[in-house]
Amino acid sequence: MHVLVLFTYNYSLTTWNDSGTFYKEIESYERLSKKNINFTFLTFSENEPHLDYLKKHKIKVLPIYKYMKKSKFKIINYLKSFFIPFYLKDKLGEVDVIKQNQLLGSWIAITFKIILKKPLFIRTGYDMYEFSIKENKNRFTQFLYKLLTSVSLKFADFYTASSLSDINFLEKNFNIKKNFIQHRPNWVREINSIEFNERIPNKIIVIGRLEVQKNLSYLIKSFSNSNNFKVFFASKNLG
């Protein structure tokens, strides 16, 4: 089986590498490659790291901007992205399944589906449309995210969300069949943990991105008047 994996729009292996998530992101593909499943990654870059490593795991990488010139204007790159499937379809070989990683960029995956006539799997880790509402983005942006979500739900053969609240939101706001969206939670690797009574008392470490959506302000406020607890943040955002 050959699976075409489209990265989130404007994401690449370099994005994964710089964020420190490369090996976590790649782990599931490594396991599947042992079951005779081949992958082609379509990434938004010109050159990528770890290509030799991925080749050992039956993963081929096609950096889009190696074949299409990247413009310095964002709007031009958006417009050119609709033509990516026509530029690269002859470089893929036989494809059995198309997978879109996150909703942003799904218009490219949908075009591939139409051209190649293959099933489309869209995987989301969060709901862009719901976030645009909660973050009070302008009405036009909300409309675009809603339109993208609606079209993606229509064309997807298989659609997953990482939380039940996302599924409930989509079922409430879009005309889709009950149970069409499957629940696939985000995951973390199991690691050896220290016994509770051996841990450092009254110290909390928070690991993650410093983003408004993580609601870290609530955590800070919760411990702001405490003399017993200290909170430490570990994040790539801190430089």
Protein backbone atom coordinates (compact mmCIF):
# COMPACT_ATOMS: atom_id res chain seq x y z
CA MET A 1 0.00 0.00 0.00
CA HIS A 2 1.17 3.53 -0.82
CA VAL A 3 -0.11 6.46 1.24
CA LEU A 4 0.32 10.07 0.13
CA VAL A 5 0.67 12.28 3.23
CA LEU A 6 0.09 16.01 2.77
CA PHE A 7 1.54 18.18 5.50
CA THR A 8 -0.38 21.05 7.06
CA TYR A 9 -0.15 24.06 4.75
CA ASN A 10 3.26 25.75 5.12
CA TYR A 11 4.60 22.95 7.36
CA SER A 12 7.60 20.76 6.65
CA LEU A 13 9.99 18.28 8.23
CA THR A 14 12.04 21.32 9.17
CA THR A 15 9.02 22.59 11.16
CA TRP A 16 8.85 19.29 13.04
CA ASN A 17 12.60 19.26 13.56
CA ASP A 18 12.77 22.84 14.87
CA SER A 19 9.84 22.26 17.23
CA GLY A 20 11.46 19.12 18.65
CA THR A 21 8.58 16.85 17.59
CA PHE A 22 10.17 15.13 14.58
CA TYR A 23 10.72 11.69 16.13
CA LYS A 24 7.33 11.69 17.86
CA GLU A 25 5.52 12.65 14.65
CA ILE A 26 7.38 10.06 12.62
CA GLU A 27 6.99 7.16 15.06
CA SER A 28 3.57 5.96 13.86
CA TYR A 29 4.75 6.00 10.24
CA GLU A 30 7.81 3.95 11.20
CA ARG A 31 5.59 1.30 12.79
CA LEU A 32 3.28 1.14 9.78
CA SER A 33 6.20 0.92 7.36
CA LYS A 34 7.10 -2.41 8.99
CA LYS A 35 3.71 -3.68 7.77
CA ASN A 36 4.67 -3.08 4.15
CA ILE A 37 3.04 0.36 3.91
CA ASN A 38 4.97 2.97 1.94
CA PHE A 39 4.58 6.71 2.44
CA THR A 40 5.24 9.81 0.38
CA PHE A 41 5.40 13.05 2.35
CA LEU A 42 4.44 16.23 0.51
CA THR A 43 6.10 19.05 2.48
CA PHE A 44 6.25 22.82 2.11
CA SER A 45 9.98 23.23 1.78
CA GLU A 46 12.80 23.20 -0.74
CA ASN A 47 15.28 21.07 1.23
CA GLU A 48 14.55 18.77 4.14
CA PRO A 49 16.53 17.16 7.00
CA HIS A 50 16.63 13.44 7.86
CA LEU A 51 16.03 12.23 4.30
CA ASP A 52 18.39 9.25 4.64
CA TYR A 53 16.75 8.29 7.93
CA LEU A 54 13.27 8.37 6.37
CA LYS A 55 14.38 6.42 3.31
CA LYS A 56 15.27 3.48 5.58
CA HIS A 57 11.63 3.44 6.72
CA LYS A 58 10.13 3.41 3.21
CA ILE A 59 9.23 7.10 3.43
CA LYS A 60 9.79 9.26 0.36
CA VAL A 61 9.77 13.05 0.65
CA LEU A 62 8.70 15.50 -2.05
CA PRO A 63 9.54 19.07 -0.97
CA ILE A 64 7.02 21.17 -2.91
CA TYR A 65 9.25 24.19 -3.39
CA LYS A 66 11.91 22.04 -4.98
CA TYR A 67 9.53 21.73 -7.93
CA MET A 68 7.62 25.01 -7.66
CA LYS A 69 9.20 28.40 -7.08
CA LYS A 70 8.13 29.92 -3.77
CA SER A 71 6.99 33.52 -3.94
CA LYS A 72 7.85 36.13 -1.31
CA PHE A 73 4.15 37.06 -1.29
CA LYS A 74 1.83 34.89 0.82
CA ILE A 75 -1.22 35.40 -1.39
CA ILE A 76 0.72 34.23 -4.46
CA ASN A 77 1.75 31.04 -2.65
CA TYR A 78 -1.87 30.42 -1.64
CA LEU A 79 -3.01 30.76 -5.24
CA LYS A 80 -0.19 28.58 -6.53
CA SER A 81 -1.05 25.88 -3.98
CA PHE A 82 -4.17 24.99 -5.99
CA PHE A 83 -1.88 23.87 -8.83
CA ILE A 84 0.40 21.67 -6.68
CA PRO A 85 -1.43 18.43 -7.59
CA PHE A 86 -0.97 19.13 -11.30
CA TYR A 87 2.75 19.81 -10.85
CA LEU A 88 3.47 16.72 -8.75
CA LYS A 89 0.97 14.02 -9.72
CA ASP A 90 3.41 12.38 -12.14
CA LYS A 91 6.10 12.15 -9.46
CA LEU A 92 4.02 10.11 -7.02
CA GLY A 93 3.71 6.71 -8.62
CA GLU A 94 0.64 4.63 -7.77
CA VAL A 95 -1.23 6.02 -4.74
CA ASP A 96 -3.80 4.02 -2.73
CA VAL A 97 -4.82 6.50 -0.01
CA ILE A 98 -4.46 10.27 0.45
CA LYS A 99 -4.00 11.55 3.99
CA GLN A 100 -4.29 15.22 4.93
CA ASN A 101 -2.53 16.14 8.19
CA GLN A 102 -4.69 18.91 9.76
CA LEU A 103 -7.43 20.79 7.94
CA LEU A 104 -5.29 23.69 6.69
CA GLY A 105 -4.25 22.75 3.17
CA SER A 106 -7.08 20.28 2.61
CA TRP A 107 -7.97 21.97 -0.69
CA ILE A 108 -4.76 20.43 -2.08
CA ALA A 109 -5.70 16.97 -0.81
CA ILE A 110 -9.21 17.32 -2.25
CA THR A 111 -7.77 18.21 -5.66
CA PHE A 112 -5.50 15.16 -5.47
CA LYS A 113 -8.55 13.04 -4.62
CA ILE A 114 -10.40 14.29 -7.70
CA ILE A 115 -7.40 13.81 -10.00
CA LEU A 116 -6.22 10.45 -8.67
CA LYS A 117 -9.69 9.12 -7.79
CA LYS A 118 -8.44 7.74 -4.47
CA PRO A 119 -9.99 7.80 -0.97
CA LEU A 120 -9.20 10.78 1.25
CA PHE A 121 -8.48 10.61 4.98
CA ILE A 122 -8.47 13.95 6.84
CA ARG A 123 -6.99 14.01 10.32
CA THR A 124 -7.52 17.02 12.62
CA GLY A 125 -5.87 17.73 15.96
CA TYR A 126 -8.10 20.74 16.65
CA ASP A 127 -11.04 22.43 14.97
CA MET A 128 -9.98 25.55 13.05
CA TYR A 129 -13.48 26.93 12.64
CA GLU A 130 -14.34 26.62 16.33
CA PHE A 131 -11.02 28.21 17.29
CA SER A 132 -11.65 31.14 14.95
CA ILE A 133 -14.92 31.80 16.79
CA LYS A 134 -13.41 31.52 20.27
CA GLU A 135 -10.47 33.72 19.29
CA ASN A 136 -12.85 36.37 17.89
CA LYS A 137 -11.28 36.39 14.45
CA ASN A 138 -12.98 38.62 11.89
CA ARG A 139 -16.16 37.40 10.21
CA PHE A 140 -14.51 36.82 6.85
CA THR A 141 -11.86 34.55 8.38
CA GLN A 142 -14.56 32.62 10.25
CA PHE A 143 -16.49 32.24 6.99
CA LEU A 144 -13.41 30.89 5.16
CA TYR A 145 -12.70 28.35 7.92
CA LYS A 146 -16.34 27.28 7.96
CA LEU A 147 -16.32 26.88 4.17
CA LEU A 148 -13.08 24.89 4.26
CA THR A 149 -14.48 22.63 6.98
CA SER A 150 -17.74 22.09 5.10
CA VAL A 151 -16.02 21.22 1.81
CA SER A 152 -13.53 18.94 3.57
CA LEU A 153 -16.30 17.04 5.35
CA LYS A 154 -18.08 16.62 2.03
CA PHE A 155 -15.08 15.21 0.16
CA ALA A 156 -13.46 13.17 2.93
CA ASP A 157 -14.01 9.42 2.93
CA PHE A 158 -12.69 9.20 6.48
CA TYR A 159 -12.46 12.10 8.96
CA THR A 160 -11.03 12.06 12.49
CA ALA A 161 -10.98 14.55 15.36
CA SER A 162 -8.86 14.44 18.49
CA SER A 163 -11.60 15.27 20.99
CA LEU A 164 -15.26 14.44 21.54
CA SER A 165 -16.04 18.14 21.98
CA ASP A 166 -14.72 18.77 18.44
CA ILE A 167 -16.96 16.01 17.11
CA ASN A 168 -19.99 17.41 18.94
CA PHE A 169 -19.27 20.88 17.54
CA LEU A 170 -19.01 19.58 13.96
CA GLU A 171 -22.15 17.46 14.21
CA LYS A 172 -24.05 20.44 15.60
CA ASN A 173 -22.87 22.95 12.98
CA PHE A 174 -22.62 20.88 9.80
CA ASN A 175 -24.94 18.57 7.94
CA ILE A 176 -23.13 15.28 8.46
CA LYS A 177 -24.19 11.79 9.40
CA LYS A 178 -23.98 10.75 13.02
CA ASN A 179 -20.77 8.81 13.75
CA PHE A 180 -19.21 9.82 10.41
CA ILE A 181 -16.34 11.50 12.31
CA GLN A 182 -14.17 9.07 14.24
CA HIS A 183 -12.51 9.89 17.55
CA ARG A 184 -8.70 9.59 17.43
CA PRO A 185 -7.13 11.27 20.51
CA ASN A 186 -3.71 12.87 20.38
CA TRP A 187 -1.13 10.63 21.99
CA VAL A 188 2.06 10.77 24.02
CA ARG A 189 4.78 8.18 24.30
CA GLU A 190 4.83 6.17 27.53
CA ILE A 191 7.98 6.83 29.56
CA ASN A 192 9.38 5.53 32.81
CA SER A 193 8.03 7.62 35.66
CA ILE A 194 9.44 8.31 39.10
CA GLU A 195 7.57 6.92 42.07
CA PHE A 196 5.32 9.59 43.54
CA ASN A 197 7.02 9.65 46.94
CA GLU A 198 10.41 10.20 45.24
CA ARG A 199 9.36 13.28 43.27
CA ILE A 200 10.39 16.84 44.12
CA PRO A 201 7.61 18.21 46.34
CA ASN A 202 5.68 21.38 45.53
CA LYS A 203 7.27 21.90 42.12
CA ILE A 204 5.33 21.73 38.84
CA ILE A 205 6.90 21.69 35.38
CA VAL A 206 4.79 22.66 32.37
CA ILE A 207 5.99 21.46 28.96
CA GLY A 208 4.39 22.85 25.82
CA ARG A 209 3.98 25.78 23.48
CA LEU A 210 3.39 29.23 24.97
CA GLU A 211 0.12 29.87 23.19
CA VAL A 212 -3.05 31.68 24.25
CA GLN A 213 -5.10 28.62 23.33
CA LYS A 214 -3.26 26.59 26.02
CA ASN A 215 -4.86 28.86 28.67
CA LEU A 216 -1.67 29.02 30.73
CA SER A 217 -2.90 32.26 32.31
CA TYR A 218 -5.42 30.16 34.26
CA LEU A 219 -2.60 27.98 35.62
CA ILE A 220 -0.54 31.02 36.60
CA LYS A 221 -3.49 32.69 38.36
CA SER A 222 -4.33 29.45 40.18
CA PHE A 223 -0.88 29.32 41.81
CA SER A 224 -0.17 33.07 42.01
CA ASN A 225 -1.09 33.32 45.70
CA SER A 226 0.50 30.07 46.74
CA ASN A 227 3.63 30.08 48.86
CA ASN A 228 3.99 26.32 48.64
CA PHE A 229 4.17 25.66 44.90
CA LYS A 230 6.59 26.74 42.19
CA VAL A 231 5.71 26.45 38.51
CA PHE A 232 8.41 26.04 35.84
CA PHE A 233 7.82 26.35 32.09
CA ALA A 234 9.80 24.40 29.49
CA SER A 235 9.09 25.54 25.94
CA LYS A 236 10.84 26.01 22.60
CA ASN A 237 9.10 29.42 22.48
CA LEU A 238 11.47 30.65 25.17
CA GLY A 239 14.41 30.36 22.78
